[in-house]
Amino acid sequence: MSLPLDDLYREIILDHYKRPRNRGELDPHTVRAEGNNPLCGDEIQVDVRLADGKIEAIAFQGRGCSISQASASMMTEAVKDQDLKDVAELVDIFKRMMHGEDVDLDELGDIEALEGVQKFPVRIKCALLAWTTLEQALDEAAEETP
C-alpha cells in the first residue's frame, strides 16, 4: 500500500528540512543576497557563484520554519548547474504555482511537493523567501556585470 500523495509530499518537505542540501556559505561567491520575512522571522542568505551564464554553485543558510528551509534546499538543488534563462523560468513557474495559477508541474520535480502551501496563504511567503532572495541575487549580479 502506498502513501497518499499528501503524505509523500510531507515526507519530501521534511526530508529537505531535516537534511538540507547545499546548506552553508559559498566561498568564493559572485553574489550574496539576504532576505527575511519579518512577519514570521524567517531569514535566509543565498550565495551564488556564476560562470558562463550558469549557476555554477549555490548555497544557503538561515533560520526559519520547515517550509522556508525546505523550499531553499529544493531550490538550490533545482537551479545548480542551470542556465540563468532556465533559472528565471523556473522561478517564474514556482511563483505562479504559489499564487494558485495553473503551471506544468512536471517541470518542478520535487518542488511540486510545495504546491499544497498555497492552501495556507500565511505560509506562501515562507515558501517564496528563498526564491525571491535568489532573484535579488541574480538581479544584483546582472547590475554589476558590464
C-alpha atoms as a PDB file:
ATOM      1  CA  MET A   1       0.000   0.000   0.000  1.00  0.00           C
ATOM      2  CA  SER A   2       1.447   3.378  -0.987  1.00  0.00           C
ATOM      3  CA  LEU A   3       1.302   6.588   0.958  1.00  0.00           C
ATOM      4  CA  PRO A   4      -1.322   9.105  -0.095  1.00  0.00           C
ATOM      5  CA  LEU A   5       0.173  11.908  -2.201  1.00  0.00           C
ATOM      6  CA  ASP A   6      -0.125  14.476   0.615  1.00  0.00           C
ATOM      7  CA  ASP A   7       1.855  12.196   2.919  1.00  0.00           C
ATOM      8  CA  LEU A   8       4.529  11.689   0.266  1.00  0.00           C
ATOM      9  CA  TYR A   9       4.831  15.441  -0.247  1.00  0.00           C
ATOM     10  CA  ARG A  10       5.022  15.975   3.500  1.00  0.00           C
ATOM     11  CA  GLU A  11       7.875  13.434   3.634  1.00  0.00           C
ATOM     12  CA  ILE A  12       9.766  15.236   0.848  1.00  0.00           C
ATOM     13  CA  ILE A  13       9.429  18.572   2.649  1.00  0.00           C
ATOM     14  CA  LEU A  14      10.523  17.072   5.980  1.00  0.00           C
ATOM     15  CA  ASP A  15      13.498  15.356   4.330  1.00  0.00           C
ATOM     16  CA  HIS A  16      14.728  18.660   2.859  1.00  0.00           C
ATOM     17  CA  TYR A  17      14.143  20.399   6.197  1.00  0.00           C
ATOM     18  CA  LYS A  18      15.970  17.769   8.263  1.00  0.00           C
ATOM     19  CA  ARG A  19      18.731  17.141   5.690  1.00  0.00           C
ATOM     20  CA  PRO A  20      19.042  20.378   3.722  1.00  0.00           C
ATOM     21  CA  ARG A  21      21.043  20.287   0.530  1.00  0.00           C
ATOM     22  CA  ASN A  22      23.623  22.993  -0.213  1.00  0.00           C
ATOM     23  CA  ARG A  23      23.452  24.485   3.279  1.00  0.00           C
ATOM     24  CA  GLY A  24      26.295  26.780   4.252  1.00  0.00           C
ATOM     25  CA  GLU A  25      28.288  29.637   2.829  1.00  0.00           C
ATOM     26  CA  LEU A  26      29.877  29.601  -0.595  1.00  0.00           C
ATOM     27  CA  ASP A  27      33.388  30.967  -0.857  1.00  0.00           C
ATOM     28  CA  PRO A  28      34.168  32.359  -3.302  1.00  0.00           C
ATOM     29  CA  HIS A  29      30.801  33.586  -4.490  1.00  0.00           C
ATOM     30  CA  THR A  30      29.811  36.000  -7.229  1.00  0.00           C
ATOM     31  CA  VAL A  31      26.925  37.477  -5.299  1.00  0.00           C
ATOM     32  CA  ARG A  32      25.246  37.164  -1.917  1.00  0.00           C
ATOM     33  CA  ALA A  33      21.726  38.272  -1.063  1.00  0.00           C
ATOM     34  CA  GLU A  34      19.813  38.254   2.182  1.00  0.00           C
ATOM     35  CA  GLY A  35      16.090  38.027   2.644  1.00  0.00           C
ATOM     36  CA  ASN A  36      13.770  37.948   5.598  1.00  0.00           C
ATOM     37  CA  ASN A  37      10.117  37.666   6.391  1.00  0.00           C
ATOM     38  CA  PRO A  38       9.544  39.981   9.356  1.00  0.00           C
ATOM     39  CA  LEU A  39       6.037  38.619   9.930  1.00  0.00           C
ATOM     40  CA  CYS A  40       7.293  35.178  10.933  1.00  0.00           C
ATOM     41  CA  GLY A  41      11.028  35.655  11.493  1.00  0.00           C
ATOM     42  CA  ASP A  42      12.323  33.553   8.573  1.00  0.00           C
ATOM     43  CA  GLU A  43      15.784  34.640   7.422  1.00  0.00           C
ATOM     44  CA  ILE A  44      17.859  33.437   4.511  1.00  0.00           C
ATOM     45  CA  GLN A  45      21.177  34.162   2.874  1.00  0.00           C
ATOM     46  CA  VAL A  46      21.810  32.901  -0.644  1.00  0.00           C
ATOM     47  CA  ASP A  47      25.327  32.720  -2.108  1.00  0.00           C
ATOM     48  CA  VAL A  48      25.670  32.181  -5.844  1.00  0.00           C
ATOM     49  CA  ARG A  49      28.732  31.560  -7.996  1.00  0.00           C
ATOM     50  CA  LEU A  50      28.117  32.286 -11.657  1.00  0.00           C
ATOM     51  CA  ALA A  51      30.187  31.065 -14.595  1.00  0.00           C
ATOM     52  CA  ASP A  52      29.464  31.086 -18.320  1.00  0.00           C
ATOM     53  CA  GLY A  53      25.848  32.192 -17.879  1.00  0.00           C
ATOM     54  CA  LYS A  54      25.080  29.412 -15.395  1.00  0.00           C
ATOM     55  CA  ILE A  55      24.740  28.958 -11.681  1.00  0.00           C
ATOM     56  CA  GLU A  56      27.942  27.032 -11.101  1.00  0.00           C
ATOM     57  CA  ALA A  57      27.358  26.689  -7.366  1.00  0.00           C
ATOM     58  CA  ILE A  58      24.776  27.839  -4.841  1.00  0.00           C
ATOM     59  CA  ALA A  59      24.441  27.651  -1.068  1.00  0.00           C
ATOM     60  CA  PHE A  60      22.048  28.978   1.517  1.00  0.00           C
ATOM     61  CA  GLN A  61      21.916  29.460   5.228  1.00  0.00           C
ATOM     62  CA  GLY A  62      19.374  30.879   7.538  1.00  0.00           C
ATOM     63  CA  ARG A  63      16.726  30.020  10.004  1.00  0.00           C
ATOM     64  CA  GLY A  64      13.017  29.669   9.877  1.00  0.00           C
ATOM     65  CA  CYS A  65      10.131  27.300   9.566  1.00  0.00           C
ATOM     66  CA  SER A  66      10.267  23.941   7.838  1.00  0.00           C
ATOM     67  CA  ILE A  67       8.579  25.363   4.728  1.00  0.00           C
ATOM     68  CA  SER A  68      11.112  28.171   4.207  1.00  0.00           C
ATOM     69  CA  GLN A  69      14.126  25.960   4.834  1.00  0.00           C
ATOM     70  CA  ALA A  70      12.860  23.030   2.753  1.00  0.00           C
ATOM     71  CA  SER A  71      11.966  25.391  -0.083  1.00  0.00           C
ATOM     72  CA  ALA A  72      15.508  26.821  -0.018  1.00  0.00           C
ATOM     73  CA  SER A  73      17.010  23.339  -0.107  1.00  0.00           C
ATOM     74  CA  MET A  74      14.802  22.251  -3.010  1.00  0.00           C
ATOM     75  CA  MET A  75      15.524  25.484  -4.874  1.00  0.00           C
ATOM     76  CA  THR A  76      19.293  25.076  -4.625  1.00  0.00           C
ATOM     77  CA  GLU A  77      19.048  21.526  -5.921  1.00  0.00           C
ATOM     78  CA  ALA A  78      16.899  22.632  -8.853  1.00  0.00           C
ATOM     79  CA  VAL A  79      18.975  25.600 -10.016  1.00  0.00           C
ATOM     80  CA  LYS A  80      22.528  24.328  -9.581  1.00  0.00           C
ATOM     81  CA  ASP A  81      24.296  23.973 -12.958  1.00  0.00           C
ATOM     82  CA  GLN A  82      21.357  25.600 -14.765  1.00  0.00           C
ATOM     83  CA  ASP A  83      21.447  28.396 -17.357  1.00  0.00           C
ATOM     84  CA  LEU A  84      20.270  31.717 -15.973  1.00  0.00           C
ATOM     85  CA  LYS A  85      17.439  31.807 -18.517  1.00  0.00           C
ATOM     86  CA  ASP A  86      16.190  28.420 -17.285  1.00  0.00           C
ATOM     87  CA  VAL A  87      16.528  29.557 -13.670  1.00  0.00           C
ATOM     88  CA  ALA A  88      14.429  32.650 -14.381  1.00  0.00           C
ATOM     89  CA  GLU A  89      11.747  30.455 -15.966  1.00  0.00           C
ATOM     90  CA  LEU A  90      11.764  28.067 -13.001  1.00  0.00           C
ATOM     91  CA  VAL A  91      11.460  30.947 -10.532  1.00  0.00           C
ATOM     92  CA  ASP A  92       8.513  32.294 -12.535  1.00  0.00           C
ATOM     93  CA  ILE A  93       6.794  28.883 -12.615  1.00  0.00           C
ATOM     94  CA  PHE A  94       7.301  28.448  -8.867  1.00  0.00           C
ATOM     95  CA  LYS A  95       5.930  31.910  -8.059  1.00  0.00           C
ATOM     96  CA  ARG A  96       2.904  31.344 -10.283  1.00  0.00           C
ATOM     97  CA  MET A  97       2.264  27.968  -8.605  1.00  0.00           C
ATOM     98  CA  MET A  98       2.405  29.606  -5.181  1.00  0.00           C
ATOM     99  CA  HIS A  99      -0.191  32.139  -6.317  1.00  0.00           C
ATOM    100  CA  GLY A 100      -2.551  29.380  -7.471  1.00  0.00           C
ATOM    101  CA  GLU A 101      -2.008  29.671 -11.208  1.00  0.00           C
ATOM    102  CA  ASP A 102      -2.010  26.594 -13.406  1.00  0.00           C
ATOM    103  CA  VAL A 103       1.540  25.509 -14.213  1.00  0.00           C
ATOM    104  CA  ASP A 104       3.197  22.452 -15.695  1.00  0.00           C
ATOM    105  CA  LEU A 105       4.134  20.611 -12.506  1.00  0.00           C
ATOM    106  CA  ASP A 106       6.364  18.187 -14.415  1.00  0.00           C
ATOM    107  CA  GLU A 107       8.926  20.987 -14.736  1.00  0.00           C
ATOM    108  CA  LEU A 108       9.223  21.262 -10.948  1.00  0.00           C
ATOM    109  CA  GLY A 109      10.334  17.817  -9.824  1.00  0.00           C
ATOM    110  CA  ASP A 110      10.347  17.536  -6.014  1.00  0.00           C
ATOM    111  CA  ILE A 111       9.423  21.214  -5.778  1.00  0.00           C
ATOM    112  CA  GLU A 112       5.881  20.166  -6.669  1.00  0.00           C
ATOM    113  CA  ALA A 113       5.650  18.995  -3.047  1.00  0.00           C
ATOM    114  CA  LEU A 114       5.284  22.649  -2.041  1.00  0.00           C
ATOM    115  CA  GLU A 115       2.128  23.121  -4.117  1.00  0.00           C
ATOM    116  CA  GLY A 116      -0.073  22.472  -1.081  1.00  0.00           C
ATOM    117  CA  VAL A 117       1.386  25.523   0.672  1.00  0.00           C
ATOM    118  CA  GLN A 118      -0.846  27.739  -1.471  1.00  0.00           C
ATOM    119  CA  LYS A 119      -3.807  26.486   0.586  1.00  0.00           C
ATOM    120  CA  PHE A 120      -2.315  28.376   3.545  1.00  0.00           C
ATOM    121  CA  PRO A 121      -1.880  31.999   2.437  1.00  0.00           C
ATOM    122  CA  VAL A 122       0.120  32.953   5.524  1.00  0.00           C
ATOM    123  CA  ARG A 123       2.775  30.323   4.553  1.00  0.00           C
ATOM    124  CA  ILE A 124       3.194  31.366   0.903  1.00  0.00           C
ATOM    125  CA  LYS A 125       5.785  33.990   1.852  1.00  0.00           C
ATOM    126  CA  CYS A 126       7.707  31.287   3.712  1.00  0.00           C
ATOM    127  CA  ALA A 127       7.932  29.148   0.574  1.00  0.00           C
ATOM    128  CA  LEU A 128       8.781  32.141  -1.635  1.00  0.00           C
ATOM    129  CA  LEU A 129      11.521  33.646   0.546  1.00  0.00           C
ATOM    130  CA  ALA A 130      14.473  31.707  -0.910  1.00  0.00           C
ATOM    131  CA  TRP A 131      13.206  32.186  -4.448  1.00  0.00           C
ATOM    132  CA  THR A 132      12.790  35.951  -4.152  1.00  0.00           C
ATOM    133  CA  THR A 133      16.208  36.164  -2.483  1.00  0.00           C
ATOM    134  CA  LEU A 134      17.738  34.233  -5.386  1.00  0.00           C
ATOM    135  CA  GLU A 135      16.052  36.645  -7.802  1.00  0.00           C
ATOM    136  CA  GLN A 136      17.522  39.558  -5.851  1.00  0.00           C
ATOM    137  CA  ALA A 137      20.990  37.980  -6.018  1.00  0.00           C
ATOM    138  CA  LEU A 138      20.764  37.420  -9.766  1.00  0.00           C
ATOM    139  CA  ASP A 139      19.479  40.969 -10.316  1.00  0.00           C
ATOM    140  CA  GLU A 140      22.416  42.341  -8.319  1.00  0.00           C
ATOM    141  CA  ALA A 141      24.874  40.212 -10.307  1.00  0.00           C
ATOM    142  CA  ALA A 142      23.359  41.447 -13.590  1.00  0.00           C
ATOM    143  CA  GLU A 143      23.714  45.072 -12.458  1.00  0.00           C
ATOM    144  CA  GLU A 144      27.379  44.523 -11.600  1.00  0.00           C
ATOM    145  CA  THR A 145      28.195  42.858 -14.931  1.00  0.00           C
ATOM    146  CA  PRO A 146      29.336  45.396 -17.523  1.00  0.00           C
END
